[in-house]
Structures are given as structure tokens and as C-alpha cells.
Amino acid sequence: MEDSYRWLKTGGIFAYADLFINKNDPDHDAFFEKWKAFVIRHQLNGDWEYLADHYKQYDTPDNVPTQLEWLQKLNFREIKVTIFESYWVFISSQK
């Protein structure tokens, strides 16, 4: 995020969407099972095992409050959070 802030011109928008639930969150296991059922039901990505393995090895999601703290520390302003469903979130902010 630090690079994004540095690269943006004044007034520039930084936006991103992702899964925002820390793997240590008490709701994580239930969320993971719900996500698995959704993927299998809709046959997304074709292979749940691949997706799950990738998530376990490489993804390190964090919670929204931590994301907001990082943005505020970098002096982003007009931070907006849109929660689409449970922990799927879109965040936008302005330099």
C-alpha cells in the first residue's frame, strides 16, 4: 500500500476488492465451508482442491479494521467500505 500511495497523484483513487477475514478469526472456518459449498455448487474454477490449496499456501487475508488502519496511517482519505456479502469487501480511498 505504501507504494500505491507514493505512486498516486494527489486526488488519485486507490481501490481494491478481496476477501477480508483473518484466518485466525473465529468465523473463518464456517466462512471457509460456506465458500467451498458456493464454489462447488457453481462449479467455479473447476477444481475446489486447487483453489483451497492455493488459499492455504499463499493467501493471508486480514480483517477490514486492519486494512482501514493501514490506509489511515498512509494518510489516505475519503475511505469507503462496501461489504458485498459476509467478508467479501470493496475498499476505495483517495490520496
Protein backbone atom coordinates (compact mmCIF):
# COMPACT_ATOMS: atom_id res chain seq x y z
CA MET A 1 0.00 0.00 0.00
CA GLU A 2 2.88 2.35 0.67
CA ASP A 3 3.97 2.18 -2.97
CA SER A 4 0.42 2.78 -4.15
CA TYR A 5 0.20 5.94 -2.07
CA ARG A 6 3.56 7.17 -3.32
CA TRP A 7 2.70 6.49 -6.98
CA LEU A 8 -0.70 8.17 -6.90
CA LYS A 9 -1.12 11.81 -7.77
CA THR A 10 -2.99 13.99 -5.31
CA GLY A 11 -6.68 13.17 -5.69
CA GLY A 12 -5.89 9.74 -7.15
CA ILE A 13 -8.09 6.79 -6.19
CA PHE A 14 -6.80 3.56 -4.69
CA ALA A 15 -9.39 0.76 -4.79
CA TYR A 16 -9.32 -2.97 -4.22
CA ALA A 17 -11.68 -5.85 -3.51
CA ASP A 18 -10.95 -9.11 -1.80
CA LEU A 19 -11.77 -11.49 0.97
CA PHE A 20 -11.24 -9.78 4.32
CA ILE A 21 -11.28 -12.31 7.12
CA ASN A 22 -8.17 -13.26 9.04
CA LYS A 23 -7.53 -17.00 9.12
CA ASN A 24 -7.49 -16.80 12.94
CA ASP A 25 -10.91 -15.15 13.09
CA PRO A 26 -13.46 -17.27 15.00
CA ASP A 27 -15.81 -17.11 11.96
CA HIS A 28 -13.15 -18.24 9.47
CA ASP A 29 -13.84 -21.99 9.46
CA ALA A 30 -17.59 -21.51 8.97
CA PHE A 31 -16.93 -18.96 6.24
CA PHE A 32 -14.48 -21.31 4.51
CA GLU A 33 -17.07 -24.11 4.42
CA LYS A 34 -19.72 -21.74 3.05
CA TRP A 35 -17.28 -20.56 0.37
CA LYS A 36 -16.44 -24.17 -0.52
CA ALA A 37 -20.13 -25.04 -0.93
CA PHE A 38 -20.66 -21.99 -3.15
CA VAL A 39 -17.70 -22.85 -5.41
CA ILE A 40 -18.72 -26.49 -5.76
CA ARG A 41 -22.38 -25.62 -6.32
CA HIS A 42 -21.50 -23.17 -9.09
CA GLN A 43 -18.58 -25.19 -10.47
CA LEU A 44 -16.33 -22.13 -10.34
CA ASN A 45 -12.62 -22.56 -11.03
CA GLY A 46 -13.36 -26.18 -11.88
CA ASP A 47 -11.28 -27.54 -9.04
CA TRP A 48 -12.03 -26.66 -5.43
CA GLU A 49 -8.97 -28.56 -4.19
CA TYR A 50 -6.64 -26.37 -6.26
CA LEU A 51 -8.35 -23.20 -5.06
CA ALA A 52 -8.31 -24.33 -1.43
CA ASP A 53 -4.64 -25.34 -1.58
CA HIS A 54 -3.69 -22.02 -3.14
CA TYR A 55 -5.64 -20.15 -0.46
CA LYS A 56 -3.99 -22.11 2.36
CA GLN A 57 -0.47 -21.67 0.96
CA TYR A 58 -0.42 -18.15 -0.43
CA ASP A 59 -3.34 -16.04 0.78
CA THR A 60 -3.04 -14.12 4.02
CA PRO A 61 -6.26 -12.12 4.25
CA ASP A 62 -6.79 -9.69 7.07
CA ASN A 63 -9.84 -8.06 8.60
CA VAL A 64 -11.35 -4.77 7.45
CA PRO A 65 -10.33 -2.83 10.60
CA THR A 66 -6.67 -3.66 9.95
CA GLN A 67 -6.99 -2.58 6.31
CA LEU A 68 -8.55 0.73 7.39
CA GLU A 69 -5.79 1.30 9.94
CA TRP A 70 -3.13 0.84 7.22
CA LEU A 71 -4.90 3.25 4.87
CA GLN A 72 -5.27 5.88 7.61
CA LYS A 73 -1.61 5.59 8.61
CA LEU A 74 -0.65 6.29 4.99
CA ASN A 75 -2.90 9.40 5.02
CA PHE A 76 -5.47 8.12 2.54
CA ARG A 77 -8.75 9.99 2.93
CA GLU A 78 -12.37 9.51 1.96
CA ILE A 79 -12.07 5.81 2.74
CA LYS A 80 -15.22 3.94 1.72
CA VAL A 81 -16.06 0.34 2.52
CA THR A 82 -18.69 -1.69 0.68
CA ILE A 83 -19.44 -5.15 2.02
CA PHE A 84 -20.87 -7.31 -0.74
CA GLU A 85 -21.54 -10.49 1.17
CA SER A 86 -20.16 -11.53 4.54
CA TYR A 87 -16.41 -10.98 4.19
CA TRP A 88 -16.15 -10.05 0.50
CA VAL A 89 -15.38 -6.34 0.57
CA PHE A 90 -14.58 -3.45 -1.75
CA ILE A 91 -12.49 -0.58 -0.33
CA SER A 92 -11.74 2.71 -2.05
CA SER A 93 -9.78 5.71 -0.84
CA GLN A 94 -8.29 8.90 -2.16
CA LYS A 95 -4.83 10.40 -1.82
